[in-house]
Amino acid sequence: DYWSEDQILDFFDPFVSELVSKICEASPKILGVSLNGNNRWLAKRFIKRVRQENDNIVIVVGGYDCVYHDIARHLFNDFDYMIIKEAELTLGPLVNALVKGEKPSDLPGILSRYDSDNREWTGVPLLKDLEEAPPPLYEWTDLALYQSYLRNHLIPITASRGCNWGKCRFCAECFEFRMRDPKSVV
């Protein structure tokens, strides 16, 4: 709950301002923000500042706050596009359309501010074989950024997704259980 308190958010204002300045200086067409219950309020401040500096940047959000299409918009509403559930099958085509200057609407698995008022929601299937989604490449960043407060280096590895139960409405692991081949994880 600390992450929703003004004094905590105010503490990070100088860092947010510096980040917004660098992003706007780079002038990307698209900015992606991963949302979860802990960063939601900080993300709201961050996106508001980005829009104040450059309202041409398309804001795409996703993450644990964006699992249920009927709830996600109420948790966070400052976006151009919101990826619902997993992104492997939807994010690529969306980014390709946005890079071409298109403003697609009513897309399966995605909410947008361009959707029609009478839109009927359609989701997308989950990626069944996790081997089809290669592990992240970290060659574009400094690995020293991935460390704990004790300076232990940490690189996230996803060995599985989902849950055998998969019916809890409060949990973001509410999908059918799937796992990578153990050899590819190692």
N, C-alpha and C. Protein backbone atom coordinates (compact mmCIF):
# COMPACT_ATOMS: atom_id res chain seq x y z
N ASP A 1 0.81 -1.21 0.00
CA ASP A 1 0.00 0.00 0.00
C ASP A 1 0.85 1.27 0.00
N TYR A 2 2.12 1.16 0.33
CA TYR A 2 2.98 2.34 0.32
C TYR A 2 3.02 2.99 -1.05
N TRP A 3 2.92 2.20 -2.09
CA TRP A 3 3.05 2.70 -3.45
C TRP A 3 1.87 3.54 -3.90
N SER A 4 0.85 3.68 -3.07
CA SER A 4 -0.27 4.56 -3.41
C SER A 4 -0.26 5.83 -2.58
N GLU A 5 0.70 5.98 -1.69
CA GLU A 5 0.78 7.15 -0.82
C GLU A 5 1.51 8.30 -1.51
N ASP A 6 0.94 9.50 -1.37
CA ASP A 6 1.52 10.67 -2.04
C ASP A 6 2.98 10.91 -1.67
N GLN A 7 3.34 10.74 -0.40
CA GLN A 7 4.73 11.03 -0.01
C GLN A 7 5.71 10.07 -0.67
N ILE A 8 5.31 8.84 -0.88
CA ILE A 8 6.17 7.89 -1.58
C ILE A 8 6.27 8.27 -3.05
N LEU A 9 5.12 8.57 -3.65
CA LEU A 9 5.12 8.97 -5.06
C LEU A 9 5.90 10.26 -5.26
N ASP A 10 5.75 11.21 -4.34
CA ASP A 10 6.48 12.47 -4.44
C ASP A 10 7.99 12.25 -4.37
N PHE A 11 8.41 11.26 -3.57
CA PHE A 11 9.84 10.96 -3.46
C PHE A 11 10.42 10.60 -4.82
N PHE A 12 9.64 9.91 -5.65
CA PHE A 12 10.13 9.47 -6.95
C PHE A 12 9.94 10.50 -8.05
N ASP A 13 9.33 11.64 -7.75
CA ASP A 13 9.09 12.66 -8.77
C ASP A 13 10.34 13.06 -9.55
N PRO A 14 11.49 13.31 -8.88
CA PRO A 14 12.68 13.68 -9.67
C PRO A 14 13.10 12.59 -10.66
N PHE A 15 12.97 11.33 -10.27
CA PHE A 15 13.34 10.23 -11.16
C PHE A 15 12.35 10.13 -12.31
N VAL A 16 11.08 10.31 -12.01
CA VAL A 16 10.04 10.27 -13.05
C VAL A 16 10.26 11.42 -14.03
N SER A 17 10.55 12.60 -13.52
CA SER A 17 10.78 13.76 -14.40
C SER A 17 11.96 13.52 -15.33
N GLU A 18 13.04 12.95 -14.80
CA GLU A 18 14.21 12.67 -15.62
C GLU A 18 13.88 11.63 -16.69
N LEU A 19 13.15 10.60 -16.31
CA LEU A 19 12.77 9.55 -17.26
C LEU A 19 11.86 10.10 -18.35
N VAL A 20 10.88 10.90 -17.97
CA VAL A 20 9.96 11.50 -18.94
C VAL A 20 10.74 12.39 -19.91
N SER A 21 11.66 13.16 -19.39
CA SER A 21 12.48 14.04 -20.23
C SER A 21 13.27 13.24 -21.26
N LYS A 22 13.89 12.15 -20.82
CA LYS A 22 14.69 11.33 -21.74
C LYS A 22 13.81 10.63 -22.78
N ILE A 23 12.64 10.17 -22.35
CA ILE A 23 11.74 9.51 -23.29
C ILE A 23 11.26 10.51 -24.33
N CYS A 24 10.84 11.67 -23.90
CA CYS A 24 10.33 12.66 -24.84
C CYS A 24 11.44 13.18 -25.77
N GLU A 25 12.66 13.23 -25.27
CA GLU A 25 13.79 13.62 -26.11
C GLU A 25 14.02 12.57 -27.21
N ALA A 26 13.86 11.30 -26.87
CA ALA A 26 14.02 10.23 -27.85
C ALA A 26 12.84 10.19 -28.83
N SER A 27 11.71 10.72 -28.43
CA SER A 27 10.51 10.84 -29.26
C SER A 27 10.06 9.52 -29.91
N PRO A 28 9.80 8.50 -29.09
CA PRO A 28 9.32 7.25 -29.68
C PRO A 28 7.88 7.40 -30.16
N LYS A 29 7.47 6.55 -31.07
CA LYS A 29 6.08 6.54 -31.52
C LYS A 29 5.19 5.85 -30.49
N ILE A 30 5.76 4.84 -29.81
CA ILE A 30 4.99 4.00 -28.91
C ILE A 30 5.73 3.87 -27.59
N LEU A 31 5.00 3.92 -26.48
CA LEU A 31 5.58 3.71 -25.16
C LEU A 31 4.78 2.62 -24.46
N GLY A 32 5.45 1.55 -24.05
CA GLY A 32 4.79 0.45 -23.34
C GLY A 32 5.02 0.55 -21.85
N VAL A 33 3.97 0.31 -21.09
CA VAL A 33 4.05 0.36 -19.63
C VAL A 33 3.39 -0.90 -19.07
N SER A 34 4.13 -1.62 -18.24
CA SER A 34 3.60 -2.80 -17.58
C SER A 34 2.97 -2.38 -16.25
N LEU A 35 1.75 -2.82 -16.02
CA LEU A 35 0.99 -2.40 -14.84
C LEU A 35 0.79 -3.55 -13.87
N ASN A 36 0.89 -3.21 -12.58
CA ASN A 36 0.52 -4.14 -11.52
C ASN A 36 0.04 -3.34 -10.33
N GLY A 37 -0.54 -3.99 -9.37
CA GLY A 37 -1.10 -3.28 -8.22
C GLY A 37 -0.12 -2.38 -7.51
N ASN A 38 1.19 -2.68 -7.56
CA ASN A 38 2.18 -1.88 -6.86
C ASN A 38 2.59 -0.62 -7.62
N ASN A 39 2.55 -0.64 -8.94
CA ASN A 39 3.05 0.52 -9.68
C ASN A 39 1.94 1.34 -10.33
N ARG A 40 0.71 1.00 -10.09
CA ARG A 40 -0.42 1.64 -10.78
C ARG A 40 -0.42 3.16 -10.59
N TRP A 41 -0.25 3.64 -9.37
CA TRP A 41 -0.32 5.09 -9.10
C TRP A 41 0.90 5.81 -9.67
N LEU A 42 2.06 5.18 -9.58
CA LEU A 42 3.26 5.77 -10.17
C LEU A 42 3.13 5.82 -11.69
N ALA A 43 2.57 4.77 -12.28
CA ALA A 43 2.36 4.73 -13.72
C ALA A 43 1.39 5.83 -14.16
N LYS A 44 0.36 6.08 -13.36
CA LYS A 44 -0.59 7.15 -13.71
C LYS A 44 0.11 8.50 -13.77
N ARG A 45 0.94 8.79 -12.78
CA ARG A 45 1.69 10.05 -12.78
C ARG A 45 2.64 10.11 -13.98
N PHE A 46 3.33 9.01 -14.21
CA PHE A 46 4.32 8.94 -15.29
C PHE A 46 3.66 9.20 -16.64
N ILE A 47 2.56 8.50 -16.92
CA ILE A 47 1.89 8.64 -18.22
C ILE A 47 1.30 10.04 -18.36
N LYS A 48 0.77 10.59 -17.30
CA LYS A 48 0.22 11.95 -17.36
C LYS A 48 1.32 12.94 -17.77
N ARG A 49 2.50 12.79 -17.21
CA ARG A 49 3.61 13.68 -17.56
C ARG A 49 4.09 13.47 -18.99
N VAL A 50 4.13 12.21 -19.41
CA VAL A 50 4.53 11.95 -20.81
C VAL A 50 3.57 12.63 -21.75
N ARG A 51 2.28 12.50 -21.48
CA ARG A 51 1.27 13.12 -22.36
C ARG A 51 1.38 14.65 -22.34
N GLN A 52 1.74 15.23 -21.21
CA GLN A 52 1.91 16.68 -21.14
C GLN A 52 3.08 17.14 -22.00
N GLU A 53 4.13 16.32 -22.07
CA GLU A 53 5.32 16.67 -22.84
C GLU A 53 5.19 16.34 -24.33
N ASN A 54 4.52 15.22 -24.62
CA ASN A 54 4.41 14.78 -26.02
C ASN A 54 3.15 13.94 -26.16
N ASP A 55 2.07 14.56 -26.56
CA ASP A 55 0.80 13.83 -26.65
C ASP A 55 0.68 13.00 -27.93
N ASN A 56 1.77 12.95 -28.73
CA ASN A 56 1.75 12.12 -29.93
C ASN A 56 2.22 10.69 -29.67
N ILE A 57 2.82 10.43 -28.50
CA ILE A 57 3.29 9.09 -28.16
C ILE A 57 2.07 8.22 -27.85
N VAL A 58 2.00 7.07 -28.51
CA VAL A 58 0.92 6.12 -28.26
C VAL A 58 1.27 5.31 -27.02
N ILE A 59 0.37 5.29 -26.05
CA ILE A 59 0.60 4.57 -24.80
C ILE A 59 -0.07 3.20 -24.87
N VAL A 60 0.75 2.14 -24.74
CA VAL A 60 0.26 0.77 -24.73
C VAL A 60 0.56 0.20 -23.35
N VAL A 61 -0.47 -0.31 -22.67
CA VAL A 61 -0.28 -0.88 -21.35
C VAL A 61 -0.67 -2.35 -21.35
N GLY A 62 -0.15 -3.06 -20.38
CA GLY A 62 -0.46 -4.47 -20.19
C GLY A 62 0.06 -4.88 -18.83
N GLY A 63 0.00 -6.16 -18.52
CA GLY A 63 0.53 -6.64 -17.26
C GLY A 63 -0.55 -7.22 -16.36
N TYR A 64 -0.20 -7.44 -15.11
CA TYR A 64 -1.10 -8.11 -14.18
C TYR A 64 -2.39 -7.35 -13.91
N ASP A 65 -2.38 -6.04 -14.04
CA ASP A 65 -3.62 -5.26 -13.87
C ASP A 65 -4.55 -5.39 -15.08
N CYS A 66 -4.09 -6.04 -16.12
CA CYS A 66 -4.82 -6.08 -17.38
C CYS A 66 -5.23 -7.51 -17.75
N VAL A 67 -5.66 -8.26 -16.79
CA VAL A 67 -6.01 -9.66 -17.03
C VAL A 67 -7.47 -9.81 -17.44
N TYR A 68 -8.35 -9.09 -16.78
CA TYR A 68 -9.79 -9.21 -17.03
C TYR A 68 -10.27 -7.96 -17.76
N HIS A 69 -10.78 -8.12 -18.97
CA HIS A 69 -11.15 -6.96 -19.78
C HIS A 69 -12.24 -6.11 -19.14
N ASP A 70 -13.10 -6.71 -18.35
CA ASP A 70 -14.20 -5.97 -17.74
C ASP A 70 -13.79 -5.21 -16.48
N ILE A 71 -12.62 -5.51 -15.93
CA ILE A 71 -12.14 -4.84 -14.72
C ILE A 71 -10.98 -3.89 -15.03
N ALA A 72 -10.13 -4.28 -15.97
CA ALA A 72 -8.88 -3.57 -16.22
C ALA A 72 -9.06 -2.09 -16.49
N ARG A 73 -10.05 -1.73 -17.28
CA ARG A 73 -10.28 -0.31 -17.63
C ARG A 73 -10.63 0.52 -16.38
N HIS A 74 -11.21 -0.13 -15.38
CA HIS A 74 -11.55 0.58 -14.14
C HIS A 74 -10.33 0.74 -13.24
N LEU A 75 -9.38 -0.17 -13.34
CA LEU A 75 -8.16 -0.07 -12.57
C LEU A 75 -7.22 1.00 -13.13
N PHE A 76 -7.22 1.12 -14.45
CA PHE A 76 -6.30 2.05 -15.11
C PHE A 76 -6.93 2.49 -16.42
N ASN A 77 -7.13 3.80 -16.58
CA ASN A 77 -7.86 4.25 -17.77
C ASN A 77 -7.09 5.21 -18.67
N ASP A 78 -5.84 5.52 -18.36
CA ASP A 78 -5.08 6.43 -19.21
C ASP A 78 -4.18 5.64 -20.16
N PHE A 79 -4.75 5.18 -21.25
CA PHE A 79 -4.01 4.41 -22.24
C PHE A 79 -4.64 4.64 -23.61
N ASP A 80 -3.87 4.34 -24.63
CA ASP A 80 -4.42 4.30 -25.98
C ASP A 80 -4.82 2.86 -26.31
N TYR A 81 -3.98 1.91 -25.88
CA TYR A 81 -4.26 0.49 -26.10
C TYR A 81 -3.91 -0.28 -24.84
N MET A 82 -4.74 -1.24 -24.50
CA MET A 82 -4.48 -2.11 -23.35
C MET A 82 -4.52 -3.56 -23.82
N ILE A 83 -3.40 -4.25 -23.64
CA ILE A 83 -3.31 -5.66 -23.98
C ILE A 83 -3.94 -6.45 -22.83
N ILE A 84 -4.91 -7.28 -23.13
CA ILE A 84 -5.57 -8.08 -22.11
C ILE A 84 -4.97 -9.49 -22.12
N LYS A 85 -4.68 -9.99 -20.94
CA LYS A 85 -4.04 -11.30 -20.72
C LYS A 85 -2.63 -11.27 -21.29
N GLU A 86 -2.24 -12.30 -22.00
CA GLU A 86 -0.87 -12.41 -22.51
C GLU A 86 -0.74 -11.69 -23.85
N ALA A 87 0.47 -11.22 -24.15
CA ALA A 87 0.66 -10.33 -25.30
C ALA A 87 1.28 -10.97 -26.54
N GLU A 88 1.76 -12.19 -26.45
CA GLU A 88 2.52 -12.75 -27.58
C GLU A 88 1.75 -12.76 -28.89
N LEU A 89 0.46 -13.01 -28.83
CA LEU A 89 -0.31 -13.14 -30.07
C LEU A 89 -0.96 -11.82 -30.51
N THR A 90 -0.90 -10.79 -29.68
CA THR A 90 -1.59 -9.54 -30.02
C THR A 90 -0.66 -8.33 -30.15
N LEU A 91 0.40 -8.28 -29.38
CA LEU A 91 1.24 -7.09 -29.36
C LEU A 91 1.95 -6.84 -30.69
N GLY A 92 2.51 -7.87 -31.31
CA GLY A 92 3.23 -7.70 -32.58
C GLY A 92 2.37 -7.07 -33.66
N PRO A 93 1.20 -7.65 -33.95
CA PRO A 93 0.35 -7.03 -34.97
C PRO A 93 -0.09 -5.60 -34.62
N LEU A 94 -0.33 -5.34 -33.34
CA LEU A 94 -0.70 -3.98 -32.92
C LEU A 94 0.45 -3.02 -33.20
N VAL A 95 1.65 -3.35 -32.78
CA VAL A 95 2.80 -2.47 -32.98
C VAL A 95 3.04 -2.24 -34.47
N ASN A 96 2.93 -3.28 -35.28
CA ASN A 96 3.11 -3.11 -36.73
C ASN A 96 2.11 -2.11 -37.30
N ALA A 97 0.86 -2.18 -36.85
CA ALA A 97 -0.16 -1.24 -37.33
C ALA A 97 0.15 0.18 -36.84
N LEU A 98 0.56 0.31 -35.59
CA LEU A 98 0.84 1.65 -35.04
C LEU A 98 2.04 2.30 -35.74
N VAL A 99 3.05 1.52 -36.05
CA VAL A 99 4.23 2.05 -36.74
C VAL A 99 3.85 2.58 -38.11
N LYS A 100 2.86 1.98 -38.75
CA LYS A 100 2.38 2.45 -40.05
C LYS A 100 1.49 3.68 -39.93
N GLY A 101 1.23 4.12 -38.69
CA GLY A 101 0.40 5.30 -38.48
C GLY A 101 -1.09 4.98 -38.36
N GLU A 102 -1.44 3.72 -38.34
CA GLU A 102 -2.84 3.34 -38.20
C GLU A 102 -3.30 3.49 -36.75
N LYS A 103 -4.61 3.58 -36.57
CA LYS A 103 -5.21 3.62 -35.24
C LYS A 103 -6.29 2.54 -35.19
N PRO A 104 -5.86 1.27 -35.10
CA PRO A 104 -6.84 0.18 -35.16
C PRO A 104 -7.79 0.20 -33.97
N SER A 105 -8.96 -0.37 -34.18
CA SER A 105 -9.97 -0.42 -33.11
C SER A 105 -10.67 -1.78 -33.11
N ASP A 106 -11.34 -2.06 -32.00
CA ASP A 106 -12.13 -3.29 -31.85
C ASP A 106 -11.31 -4.54 -32.14
N LEU A 107 -10.07 -4.56 -31.69
CA LEU A 107 -9.18 -5.70 -31.93
C LEU A 107 -9.41 -6.81 -30.91
N PRO A 108 -9.38 -8.06 -31.32
CA PRO A 108 -9.48 -9.15 -30.36
C PRO A 108 -8.34 -9.10 -29.34
N GLY A 109 -8.68 -9.22 -28.07
CA GLY A 109 -7.67 -9.26 -27.02
C GLY A 109 -7.09 -7.91 -26.62
N ILE A 110 -7.61 -6.81 -27.19
CA ILE A 110 -7.07 -5.48 -26.92
C ILE A 110 -8.21 -4.50 -26.72
N LEU A 111 -8.09 -3.67 -25.68
CA LEU A 111 -9.01 -2.54 -25.50
C LEU A 111 -8.31 -1.30 -26.03
N SER A 112 -9.07 -0.36 -26.57
CA SER A 112 -8.46 0.89 -27.01
C SER A 112 -9.44 2.04 -26.86
N ARG A 113 -8.89 3.23 -26.85
CA ARG A 113 -9.75 4.41 -26.78
C ARG A 113 -10.45 4.68 -28.10
N TYR A 114 -10.10 3.90 -29.13
CA TYR A 114 -10.71 4.04 -30.44
C TYR A 114 -11.83 3.03 -30.67
N ASP A 115 -12.08 2.16 -29.70
CA ASP A 115 -13.10 1.12 -29.86
C ASP A 115 -14.48 1.74 -30.02
N SER A 116 -15.33 1.07 -30.77
CA SER A 116 -16.70 1.55 -30.96
C SER A 116 -17.52 1.36 -29.68
N ASP A 117 -18.53 2.19 -29.52
CA ASP A 117 -19.36 2.14 -28.31
C ASP A 117 -20.09 0.82 -28.15
N ASN A 118 -20.45 0.20 -29.26
CA ASN A 118 -21.21 -1.04 -29.20
C ASN A 118 -20.32 -2.28 -29.38
N ARG A 119 -19.05 -2.12 -29.11
CA ARG A 119 -18.10 -3.21 -29.30
C ARG A 119 -18.48 -4.42 -28.45
N GLU A 120 -18.39 -5.59 -29.04
CA GLU A 120 -18.59 -6.83 -28.32
C GLU A 120 -17.20 -7.45 -28.11
N TRP A 121 -16.84 -7.72 -26.85
CA TRP A 121 -15.50 -8.20 -26.53
C TRP A 121 -15.23 -9.58 -27.10
N THR A 122 -14.06 -9.72 -27.70
CA THR A 122 -13.56 -11.02 -28.10
C THR A 122 -12.11 -11.13 -27.63
N GLY A 123 -11.81 -12.22 -26.97
CA GLY A 123 -10.45 -12.45 -26.51
C GLY A 123 -9.65 -13.19 -27.57
N VAL A 124 -8.44 -13.57 -27.20
CA VAL A 124 -7.61 -14.38 -28.08
C VAL A 124 -7.17 -15.62 -27.32
N PRO A 125 -6.85 -16.69 -28.03
CA PRO A 125 -6.39 -17.89 -27.32
C PRO A 125 -5.02 -17.65 -26.68
N LEU A 126 -4.74 -18.41 -25.65
CA LEU A 126 -3.42 -18.35 -25.02
C LEU A 126 -2.41 -19.08 -25.89
N LEU A 127 -1.18 -18.68 -25.77
CA LEU A 127 -0.09 -19.38 -26.42
C LEU A 127 0.04 -20.75 -25.74
N LYS A 128 -0.25 -21.81 -26.46
CA LYS A 128 -0.24 -23.16 -25.86
C LYS A 128 1.18 -23.65 -25.60
N ASP A 129 2.06 -23.46 -26.58
CA ASP A 129 3.43 -23.95 -26.47
C ASP A 129 4.34 -22.77 -26.13
N LEU A 130 4.81 -22.70 -24.90
CA LEU A 130 5.65 -21.58 -24.47
C LEU A 130 6.99 -21.53 -25.21
N GLU A 131 7.37 -22.62 -25.83
CA GLU A 131 8.61 -22.62 -26.61
C GLU A 131 8.49 -21.72 -27.83
N GLU A 132 7.27 -21.39 -28.24
CA GLU A 132 7.06 -20.48 -29.37
C GLU A 132 7.39 -19.04 -29.00
N ALA A 133 7.45 -18.75 -27.71
CA ALA A 133 7.82 -17.41 -27.23
C ALA A 133 9.25 -17.50 -26.70
N PRO A 134 10.21 -17.05 -27.47
CA PRO A 134 11.60 -17.17 -27.01
C PRO A 134 11.82 -16.36 -25.74
N PRO A 135 12.83 -16.75 -24.97
CA PRO A 135 13.12 -15.97 -23.75
C PRO A 135 13.55 -14.55 -24.13
N PRO A 136 13.39 -13.61 -23.22
CA PRO A 136 13.77 -12.23 -23.52
C PRO A 136 15.27 -12.11 -23.80
N LEU A 137 15.60 -11.17 -24.65
CA LEU A 137 17.00 -10.85 -24.92
C LEU A 137 17.34 -9.59 -24.13
N TYR A 138 18.45 -9.62 -23.46
CA TYR A 138 18.84 -8.49 -22.62
C TYR A 138 20.02 -7.73 -23.22
N GLU A 139 20.32 -7.99 -24.48
CA GLU A 139 21.48 -7.36 -25.10
C GLU A 139 21.33 -5.85 -25.26
N TRP A 140 20.11 -5.33 -25.15
CA TRP A 140 19.87 -3.91 -25.35
C TRP A 140 19.98 -3.10 -24.06
N THR A 141 20.27 -3.76 -22.96
CA THR A 141 20.30 -3.05 -21.69
C THR A 141 21.48 -3.50 -20.83
N ASP A 142 21.75 -2.76 -19.81
CA ASP A 142 22.80 -3.09 -18.85
C ASP A 142 22.24 -4.08 -17.83
N LEU A 143 22.77 -5.26 -17.78
CA LEU A 143 22.27 -6.29 -16.85
C LEU A 143 22.41 -5.87 -15.39
N ALA A 144 23.28 -4.92 -15.09
CA ALA A 144 23.42 -4.44 -13.71
C ALA A 144 22.14 -3.78 -13.21
N LEU A 145 21.26 -3.39 -14.14
CA LEU A 145 19.98 -2.80 -13.73
C LEU A 145 19.06 -3.83 -13.08
N TYR A 146 19.30 -5.09 -13.36
CA TYR A 146 18.48 -6.17 -12.81
C TYR A 146 19.13 -6.70 -11.54
N GLN A 147 18.89 -6.00 -10.44
CA GLN A 147 19.46 -6.43 -9.17
C GLN A 147 18.53 -6.06 -8.03
N SER A 148 18.71 -6.77 -6.94
CA SER A 148 17.90 -6.50 -5.75
C SER A 148 18.52 -5.35 -4.97
N TYR A 149 17.84 -4.93 -3.92
CA TYR A 149 18.37 -3.85 -3.09
C TYR A 149 19.66 -4.28 -2.38
N LEU A 150 19.93 -5.59 -2.31
CA LEU A 150 21.18 -6.10 -1.74
C LEU A 150 22.26 -6.24 -2.81
N ARG A 151 21.96 -5.77 -4.04
CA ARG A 151 22.88 -5.80 -5.18
C ARG A 151 23.09 -7.22 -5.73
N ASN A 152 22.17 -8.14 -5.43
CA ASN A 152 22.21 -9.45 -6.04
C ASN A 152 21.65 -9.33 -7.44
N HIS A 153 22.32 -9.91 -8.41
CA HIS A 153 21.86 -9.82 -9.79
C HIS A 153 20.76 -10.84 -10.03
N LEU A 154 19.69 -10.39 -10.63
CA LEU A 154 18.52 -11.21 -10.86
C LEU A 154 18.05 -11.06 -12.30
N ILE A 155 17.86 -12.15 -12.97
CA ILE A 155 17.29 -12.14 -14.31
C ILE A 155 16.05 -13.02 -14.26
N PRO A 156 14.88 -12.45 -14.55
CA PRO A 156 13.67 -13.27 -14.49
C PRO A 156 13.65 -14.34 -15.57
N ILE A 157 13.28 -15.53 -15.17
CA ILE A 157 13.14 -16.65 -16.10
C ILE A 157 11.75 -17.23 -15.89
N THR A 158 10.98 -17.30 -16.95
CA THR A 158 9.64 -17.87 -16.85
C THR A 158 9.69 -19.31 -17.30
N ALA A 159 9.54 -20.20 -16.33
CA ALA A 159 9.55 -21.63 -16.63
C ALA A 159 8.15 -22.15 -16.92
N SER A 160 7.15 -21.44 -16.39
CA SER A 160 5.77 -21.88 -16.60
C SER A 160 4.85 -20.67 -16.51
N ARG A 161 3.62 -20.90 -16.94
CA ARG A 161 2.57 -19.89 -16.81
C ARG A 161 1.29 -20.61 -16.41
N GLY A 162 0.45 -19.87 -15.75
CA GLY A 162 -0.85 -20.42 -15.39
C GLY A 162 -0.83 -21.20 -14.10
N CYS A 163 -1.89 -21.93 -13.89
CA CYS A 163 -2.10 -22.62 -12.63
C CYS A 163 -3.00 -23.83 -12.90
N ASN A 164 -2.75 -24.91 -12.19
CA ASN A 164 -3.61 -26.08 -12.37
C ASN A 164 -5.05 -25.81 -11.96
N TRP A 165 -5.25 -24.95 -10.96
CA TRP A 165 -6.60 -24.59 -10.53
C TRP A 165 -7.16 -23.56 -11.49
N GLY A 166 -6.49 -22.41 -11.59
CA GLY A 166 -6.79 -21.39 -12.59
C GLY A 166 -8.18 -20.79 -12.54
N LYS A 167 -8.82 -20.73 -11.39
CA LYS A 167 -10.17 -20.18 -11.32
C LYS A 167 -10.31 -19.03 -10.34
N CYS A 168 -9.23 -18.59 -9.74
CA CYS A 168 -9.30 -17.50 -8.77
C CYS A 168 -9.43 -16.16 -9.50
N ARG A 169 -10.49 -15.42 -9.25
CA ARG A 169 -10.72 -14.15 -9.94
C ARG A 169 -9.76 -13.05 -9.48
N PHE A 170 -9.09 -13.24 -8.35
CA PHE A 170 -8.19 -12.22 -7.85
C PHE A 170 -6.76 -12.41 -8.31
N CYS A 171 -6.48 -13.49 -9.01
CA CYS A 171 -5.11 -13.85 -9.34
C CYS A 171 -4.85 -13.70 -10.84
N ALA A 172 -3.66 -13.22 -11.17
CA ALA A 172 -3.30 -13.05 -12.57
C ALA A 172 -2.77 -14.34 -13.19
N GLU A 173 -2.61 -15.38 -12.42
CA GLU A 173 -2.20 -16.68 -12.95
C GLU A 173 -3.43 -17.56 -13.15
N CYS A 174 -4.47 -16.99 -13.66
CA CYS A 174 -5.77 -17.64 -13.76
C CYS A 174 -5.96 -18.42 -15.06
N PHE A 175 -4.87 -18.73 -15.73
CA PHE A 175 -4.96 -19.42 -17.00
C PHE A 175 -4.55 -20.88 -16.85
N GLU A 176 -4.85 -21.63 -17.87
CA GLU A 176 -4.45 -23.04 -17.88
C GLU A 176 -2.94 -23.15 -17.74
N PHE A 177 -2.49 -24.16 -17.00
CA PHE A 177 -1.07 -24.35 -16.73
C PHE A 177 -0.34 -24.81 -17.99
N ARG A 178 0.79 -24.15 -18.27
CA ARG A 178 1.67 -24.51 -19.37
C ARG A 178 3.10 -24.35 -18.89
N MET A 179 4.01 -25.18 -19.37
CA MET A 179 5.40 -25.02 -18.95
C MET A 179 6.36 -25.19 -20.12
N ARG A 180 7.51 -24.57 -19.97
CA ARG A 180 8.59 -24.72 -20.96
C ARG A 180 9.27 -26.07 -20.78
N ASP A 181 9.94 -26.50 -21.81
CA ASP A 181 10.79 -27.67 -21.70
C ASP A 181 11.90 -27.32 -20.71
N PRO A 182 12.13 -28.15 -19.69
CA PRO A 182 13.16 -27.83 -18.70
C PRO A 182 14.54 -27.56 -19.31
N LYS A 183 14.87 -28.23 -20.41
CA LYS A 183 16.17 -28.00 -21.06
C LYS A 183 16.29 -26.57 -21.57
N SER A 184 15.20 -25.99 -22.09
CA SER A 184 15.28 -24.63 -22.60
C SER A 184 15.37 -23.61 -21.47
N VAL A 185 14.82 -23.95 -20.30
CA VAL A 185 14.93 -23.04 -19.15
C VAL A 185 16.38 -23.01 -18.66
N VAL A 186 16.98 -24.17 -18.56
CA VAL A 186 18.37 -24.26 -18.10
C VAL A 186 19.29 -23.59 -19.12
